[in-house]
Amino acid sequence: MSLPYSINDEVADDVEAGRRRLDWMWVAEIDGRVVARLAWWCNPGSSTPALLDIFDIRDARDSVDLDAARDLLVKATAQVVGVDVRPPGYLRFVRPDWRDDADARVETDALMAITASTGARLFVERLRLEWRAGTPIPPRSGRLRFRSPHDDDEVVRLMTEVIAGSLDAHTRLDLESMSAAEAARRHFDGEIAAQVGPRSNWRIAIDHDDEIVGFVTPGHNHYHPVIGYVAVLPRHRGQGYINDILNEGVAVLAATGVDHIRAATDLTNSPMGDAFDRNGWTEFERSINMAWATPIQGS
């Protein structure tokens, strides 16, 4: 592809799997050269885009290219999403050190500025993390025992307890318009339940008093082995249980022979970010999340 991006090698498979549609993939050309492009993503089978996750520009220092990129965003969104419809969020994958690299910063700042000029705002920056085969997995500490969940409802009930005090930006946004129980069900049905892999691989953590202290959902998303959700219940936080629970999820997946595992957390969620760092995870990328509160502004 003429414009480099970290997920270029996923696009063809996405189209074949129904995660992208050709009429959701647009380019802007000047004199026969592509100067900007964008594309939306969805879960297979969906008729509406869930995310704008490709938006690239040839030269972020060129005012002509910048104008063409903005025009592309406005016109393509009107055709794909609709003129009077609030568009799905924009996700930009960037290097962990993007602020310290001159070219990366100019490009990222330019794309953020273009989307901001149409009404979007910075919602959250997230760490994208990876555990790699060969990284030592600490043995169980003996403080907890683990079992599979009894059913999906048990996981949703535990998520409800966690969500009430969550530091996650997307969760906190949900709580502005719905209850913790509704937010938990929405997140479970929309993301966690879509993980590939047996529910028997999920783990509930129990202490010596037979109290549930947390849980983890190791599995696979459309692309990678993942820790889909990992949490300690609010009343048990501050005792280091996150290390035990995270490492149990890693051990479950590692036993299946995977060579890497992915996870993500908000940059501002320091306790979770520190837990990944302590346990040998590497920050390989970040994502910039922009969101529109209203239909896109065309002028």
Protein backbone atom coordinates (compact mmCIF):
# COMPACT_ATOMS: atom_id res chain seq x y z
CA MET A 1 0.00 0.00 0.00
CA SER A 2 1.24 3.48 -0.82
CA LEU A 3 0.64 4.86 2.68
CA PRO A 4 2.38 2.96 5.50
CA TYR A 5 0.39 1.99 8.58
CA SER A 6 0.71 -0.70 11.24
CA ILE A 7 -2.45 -2.59 10.24
CA ASN A 8 -1.98 -2.54 6.45
CA ASP A 9 -1.37 -6.29 6.41
CA GLU A 10 -4.76 -6.94 8.04
CA VAL A 11 -6.90 -5.14 5.46
CA ALA A 12 -7.23 -7.91 2.86
CA ASP A 13 -8.25 -10.47 5.49
CA ASP A 14 -10.67 -7.96 7.01
CA VAL A 15 -12.42 -7.54 3.66
CA GLU A 16 -12.66 -11.29 3.16
CA ALA A 17 -13.98 -11.83 6.69
CA GLY A 18 -16.58 -9.07 6.42
CA ARG A 19 -14.89 -6.72 8.87
CA ARG A 20 -14.47 -4.14 6.12
CA ARG A 21 -16.45 -3.30 2.99
CA LEU A 22 -15.02 -1.87 -0.20
CA ASP A 23 -17.60 0.94 -0.19
CA TRP A 24 -16.32 1.93 3.27
CA MET A 25 -12.76 2.40 1.94
CA TRP A 26 -12.07 5.80 0.34
CA VAL A 27 -9.06 7.65 -1.07
CA ALA A 28 -8.30 11.21 -2.16
CA GLU A 29 -6.15 11.63 -5.26
CA ILE A 30 -4.29 14.60 -6.72
CA ASP A 31 -2.79 14.20 -10.19
CA GLY A 32 -3.24 10.43 -9.96
CA ARG A 33 -1.46 10.08 -6.62
CA VAL A 34 -3.18 9.03 -3.41
CA VAL A 35 -2.74 11.82 -0.86
CA ALA A 36 -5.14 10.55 1.82
CA ARG A 37 -7.23 7.49 2.59
CA LEU A 38 -9.65 6.26 5.19
CA ALA A 39 -11.57 3.10 6.03
CA TRP A 40 -14.08 1.93 8.61
CA TRP A 41 -14.19 -1.37 10.49
CA CYS A 42 -17.07 -3.43 11.87
CA ASN A 43 -17.78 -6.79 13.44
CA PRO A 44 -18.61 -9.41 10.79
CA GLY A 45 -22.25 -9.32 9.80
CA SER A 46 -22.83 -5.72 10.83
CA SER A 47 -24.41 -3.34 8.34
CA THR A 48 -23.00 -0.20 9.95
CA PRO A 49 -19.39 0.77 10.70
CA ALA A 50 -18.24 0.51 14.31
CA LEU A 51 -14.95 2.39 14.06
CA LEU A 52 -12.90 4.61 11.77
CA ASP A 53 -9.48 3.06 12.25
CA ILE A 54 -7.65 4.03 9.05
CA PHE A 55 -7.10 7.69 8.21
CA ASP A 56 -3.76 8.45 6.58
CA ILE A 57 -2.16 11.38 4.80
CA ARG A 58 0.75 11.45 2.34
CA ASP A 59 2.45 14.58 3.72
CA ALA A 60 1.21 16.13 6.95
CA ARG A 61 3.32 19.23 6.30
CA ASP A 62 1.66 19.93 2.93
CA SER A 63 -1.37 22.22 3.17
CA VAL A 64 -2.83 20.82 -0.06
CA ASP A 65 -2.73 17.28 1.31
CA LEU A 66 -4.19 18.47 4.61
CA ASP A 67 -7.11 20.12 2.85
CA ALA A 68 -7.69 17.04 0.73
CA ALA A 69 -7.66 14.80 3.81
CA ARG A 70 -10.27 16.93 5.56
CA ASP A 71 -12.44 17.04 2.47
CA LEU A 72 -12.17 13.26 2.19
CA LEU A 73 -13.19 12.79 5.83
CA VAL A 74 -16.26 15.02 5.47
CA LYS A 75 -17.48 13.64 2.15
CA ALA A 76 -16.80 9.97 2.86
CA THR A 77 -18.49 10.19 6.26
CA ALA A 78 -21.57 11.77 4.68
CA GLN A 79 -21.82 8.86 2.25
CA VAL A 80 -20.99 5.98 4.59
CA VAL A 81 -22.41 7.15 7.93
CA GLY A 82 -24.89 9.83 6.91
CA VAL A 83 -25.07 13.61 7.13
CA ASP A 84 -27.23 13.77 10.26
CA VAL A 85 -25.74 10.78 12.10
CA ARG A 86 -23.08 10.93 14.82
CA PRO A 87 -20.13 8.99 13.38
CA PRO A 88 -18.37 6.16 15.22
CA GLY A 89 -15.12 7.00 16.94
CA TYR A 90 -11.73 7.44 15.27
CA LEU A 91 -8.85 5.25 16.39
CA ARG A 92 -5.27 5.99 15.39
CA PHE A 93 -2.46 3.53 16.14
CA VAL A 94 0.82 5.27 16.93
CA ARG A 95 4.30 4.46 18.17
CA PRO A 96 4.76 4.52 21.97
CA ASP A 97 7.23 7.39 21.53
CA TRP A 98 5.17 9.30 18.98
CA ARG A 99 5.49 12.58 20.86
CA ASP A 100 9.30 12.36 20.77
CA ASP A 101 9.60 11.53 17.06
CA ALA A 102 9.26 14.63 14.89
CA ASP A 103 7.63 12.97 11.86
CA ALA A 104 5.26 10.83 13.93
CA ARG A 105 4.20 13.82 16.00
CA VAL A 106 3.54 16.05 12.98
CA GLU A 107 1.42 13.36 11.31
CA THR A 108 -0.52 12.42 14.44
CA ASP A 109 -1.12 16.04 15.45
CA ALA A 110 -2.31 16.84 11.91
CA LEU A 111 -4.81 13.98 11.80
CA MET A 112 -6.08 14.84 15.28
CA ALA A 113 -6.45 18.47 14.22
CA ILE A 114 -8.38 17.50 11.09
CA THR A 115 -10.84 15.36 13.02
CA ALA A 116 -11.11 18.05 15.71
CA SER A 117 -12.00 20.60 13.03
CA THR A 118 -15.05 18.47 12.19
CA GLY A 119 -16.23 18.32 15.80
CA ALA A 120 -14.28 15.41 17.30
CA ARG A 121 -12.43 15.61 20.60
CA LEU A 122 -9.63 13.59 22.13
CA PHE A 123 -11.33 10.94 24.23
CA VAL A 124 -8.48 8.80 25.55
CA GLU A 125 -5.01 7.54 24.74
CA ARG A 126 -4.48 3.84 25.36
CA LEU A 127 -1.48 1.57 25.83
CA ARG A 128 -1.31 -1.49 23.57
CA LEU A 129 0.62 -4.21 25.36
CA GLU A 130 2.09 -7.59 24.51
CA TRP A 131 3.36 -10.60 26.41
CA ARG A 132 5.82 -12.69 24.40
CA ALA A 133 6.64 -16.35 24.65
CA GLY A 134 9.72 -16.91 26.76
CA THR A 135 8.79 -14.23 29.27
CA PRO A 136 8.80 -15.96 32.67
CA ILE A 137 5.41 -16.53 34.26
CA PRO A 138 5.69 -16.39 38.05
CA PRO A 139 4.39 -19.51 39.81
CA ARG A 140 1.12 -19.21 41.67
CA SER A 141 1.61 -17.40 44.96
CA GLY A 142 -0.81 -19.68 46.80
CA ARG A 143 -2.94 -16.75 47.90
CA LEU A 144 -5.72 -17.56 45.44
CA ARG A 145 -7.36 -20.54 43.83
CA PHE A 146 -9.04 -20.42 40.46
CA ARG A 147 -12.06 -21.98 38.81
CA SER A 148 -14.05 -21.47 35.63
CA PRO A 149 -17.17 -19.29 35.84
CA HIS A 150 -20.46 -21.03 36.51
CA ASP A 151 -22.10 -19.18 33.61
CA ASP A 152 -22.07 -15.90 31.69
CA ASP A 153 -24.33 -14.24 34.23
CA GLU A 154 -21.74 -14.73 36.95
CA VAL A 155 -19.15 -12.88 34.86
CA VAL A 156 -21.61 -10.07 34.11
CA ARG A 157 -22.39 -9.72 37.84
CA LEU A 158 -18.69 -9.43 38.63
CA MET A 159 -18.19 -6.94 35.81
CA THR A 160 -21.01 -4.86 37.29
CA GLU A 161 -19.14 -4.63 40.60
CA VAL A 162 -15.91 -3.66 38.85
CA ILE A 163 -17.50 -1.12 36.50
CA ALA A 164 -19.01 0.92 39.34
CA GLY A 165 -15.52 2.19 40.26
CA SER A 166 -13.72 1.77 36.95
CA LEU A 167 -10.92 4.08 35.77
CA ASP A 168 -11.55 3.09 32.13
CA ALA A 169 -12.64 6.08 30.03
CA HIS A 170 -15.07 4.13 27.84
CA THR A 171 -16.71 2.62 30.90
CA ARG A 172 -17.01 5.98 32.64
CA LEU A 173 -18.67 7.38 29.53
CA ASP A 174 -21.18 4.52 29.57
CA LEU A 175 -22.00 5.29 33.19
CA GLU A 176 -23.12 8.78 32.20
CA SER A 177 -26.11 7.31 30.41
CA MET A 178 -26.72 3.86 31.93
CA SER A 179 -26.42 1.86 35.12
CA ALA A 180 -23.37 -0.24 35.98
CA ALA A 181 -25.41 -3.39 35.27
CA GLU A 182 -26.42 -2.09 31.85
CA ALA A 183 -22.85 -1.06 31.06
CA ALA A 184 -21.56 -4.48 32.10
CA ARG A 185 -24.09 -6.30 29.92
CA ARG A 186 -23.32 -4.02 26.98
CA HIS A 187 -19.58 -4.58 27.25
CA PHE A 188 -19.97 -8.32 27.73
CA ASP A 189 -22.31 -8.76 24.78
CA GLY A 190 -20.35 -6.42 22.54
CA GLU A 191 -16.76 -7.53 23.12
CA ILE A 192 -16.15 -10.20 25.74
CA ALA A 193 -18.69 -12.69 24.41
CA ALA A 194 -17.16 -12.37 20.94
CA GLN A 195 -13.84 -13.83 22.11
CA VAL A 196 -13.00 -17.14 20.50
CA GLY A 197 -12.14 -19.94 22.90
CA PRO A 198 -13.90 -21.99 25.55
CA ARG A 199 -15.47 -20.24 28.51
CA SER A 200 -13.77 -22.91 30.61
CA ASN A 201 -10.52 -20.99 30.03
CA TRP A 202 -11.89 -17.98 31.88
CA ARG A 203 -10.90 -17.82 35.54
CA ILE A 204 -12.59 -16.66 38.73
CA ALA A 205 -10.11 -15.90 41.54
CA ILE A 206 -11.06 -16.94 45.09
CA ASP A 207 -9.21 -16.20 48.35
CA HIS A 208 -8.78 -18.34 51.47
CA ASP A 209 -12.06 -17.03 52.88
CA ASP A 210 -13.87 -18.35 49.80
CA GLU A 211 -14.56 -14.82 48.59
CA ILE A 212 -14.30 -13.96 44.91
CA VAL A 213 -11.63 -11.31 44.51
CA GLY A 214 -11.49 -10.93 40.72
CA PHE A 215 -11.52 -12.62 37.34
CA VAL A 216 -9.81 -12.79 33.94
CA THR A 217 -11.05 -13.75 30.45
CA PRO A 218 -8.17 -15.10 28.33
CA GLY A 219 -9.18 -15.86 24.74
CA HIS A 220 -8.74 -14.73 21.13
CA ASN A 221 -10.19 -11.74 19.31
CA HIS A 222 -10.32 -11.47 15.51
CA TYR A 223 -6.54 -11.17 15.32
CA HIS A 224 -4.63 -12.24 18.41
CA PRO A 225 -4.66 -14.14 21.70
CA VAL A 226 -5.85 -11.59 24.26
CA ILE A 227 -6.54 -10.87 27.88
CA GLY A 228 -10.02 -9.55 27.14
CA TYR A 229 -10.82 -8.46 30.69
CA VAL A 230 -8.89 -8.63 33.94
CA ALA A 231 -10.04 -7.10 37.20
CA VAL A 232 -9.96 -7.13 40.97
CA LEU A 233 -13.22 -6.40 42.76
CA PRO A 234 -13.17 -2.97 44.46
CA ARG A 235 -13.20 -4.28 48.05
CA HIS A 236 -10.12 -6.43 47.40
CA ARG A 237 -7.91 -3.87 45.67
CA GLY A 238 -4.57 -2.74 47.04
CA GLN A 239 -3.37 -6.24 47.98
CA GLY A 240 -1.51 -7.14 44.80
CA TYR A 241 -4.08 -9.65 43.59
CA ILE A 242 -3.94 -8.20 40.08
CA ASN A 243 -0.54 -9.87 39.61
CA ASP A 244 -1.90 -13.32 40.48
CA ILE A 245 -4.99 -12.92 38.30
CA LEU A 246 -3.18 -11.49 35.27
CA ASN A 247 -0.53 -14.19 35.38
CA GLU A 248 -3.19 -16.90 35.65
CA GLY A 249 -4.71 -15.62 32.41
CA VAL A 250 -1.30 -15.63 30.75
CA ALA A 251 -0.60 -19.16 31.97
CA VAL A 252 -3.89 -20.42 30.53
CA LEU A 253 -3.10 -19.07 27.08
CA ALA A 254 0.60 -19.98 27.21
CA ALA A 255 -0.38 -23.59 27.89
CA THR A 256 -2.09 -23.63 24.48
CA GLY A 257 1.19 -22.77 22.75
CA VAL A 258 0.60 -19.14 21.75
CA ASP A 259 3.70 -17.08 21.02
CA HIS A 260 2.22 -13.77 22.13
CA ILE A 261 -0.77 -12.26 23.97
CA ARG A 262 -2.23 -8.78 23.53
CA ALA A 263 -4.01 -6.45 25.95
CA ALA A 264 -4.79 -2.75 26.27
CA THR A 265 -5.48 -0.21 29.00
CA ASP A 266 -5.91 3.55 29.26
CA LEU A 267 -2.73 5.61 29.60
CA THR A 268 -4.30 7.26 32.64
CA ASN A 269 -5.07 3.93 34.34
CA SER A 270 -1.73 3.79 36.12
CA PRO A 271 -2.51 0.83 38.44
CA MET A 272 -3.34 -1.43 35.51
CA GLY A 273 -0.48 -0.17 33.36
CA ASP A 274 1.95 -0.76 36.22
CA ALA A 275 0.63 -4.31 36.68
CA PHE A 276 1.36 -5.18 33.06
CA ASP A 277 4.82 -3.62 33.31
CA ARG A 278 5.66 -5.50 36.52
CA ASN A 279 4.77 -8.80 34.92
CA GLY A 280 6.89 -8.58 31.80
CA TRP A 281 4.52 -7.05 29.25
CA THR A 282 5.89 -4.71 26.56
CA GLU A 283 4.21 -1.57 25.30
CA PHE A 284 4.46 -2.01 21.53
CA GLU A 285 2.01 0.66 20.40
CA ARG A 286 -0.55 3.22 21.54
CA SER A 287 -3.95 4.20 20.25
CA ILE A 288 -5.39 7.70 20.08
CA ASN A 289 -9.18 7.63 20.47
CA MET A 290 -11.16 10.58 19.10
CA ALA A 291 -14.95 10.86 19.46
CA TRP A 292 -17.74 12.94 17.95
CA ALA A 293 -20.61 14.01 20.18
CA THR A 294 -22.67 15.26 17.21
CA PRO A 295 -22.88 14.65 13.46
CA ILE A 296 -19.69 15.62 11.66
CA GLN A 297 -19.24 19.30 10.88
CA GLY A 298 -18.61 19.90 7.20
CA SER A 299 -17.32 23.44 7.25
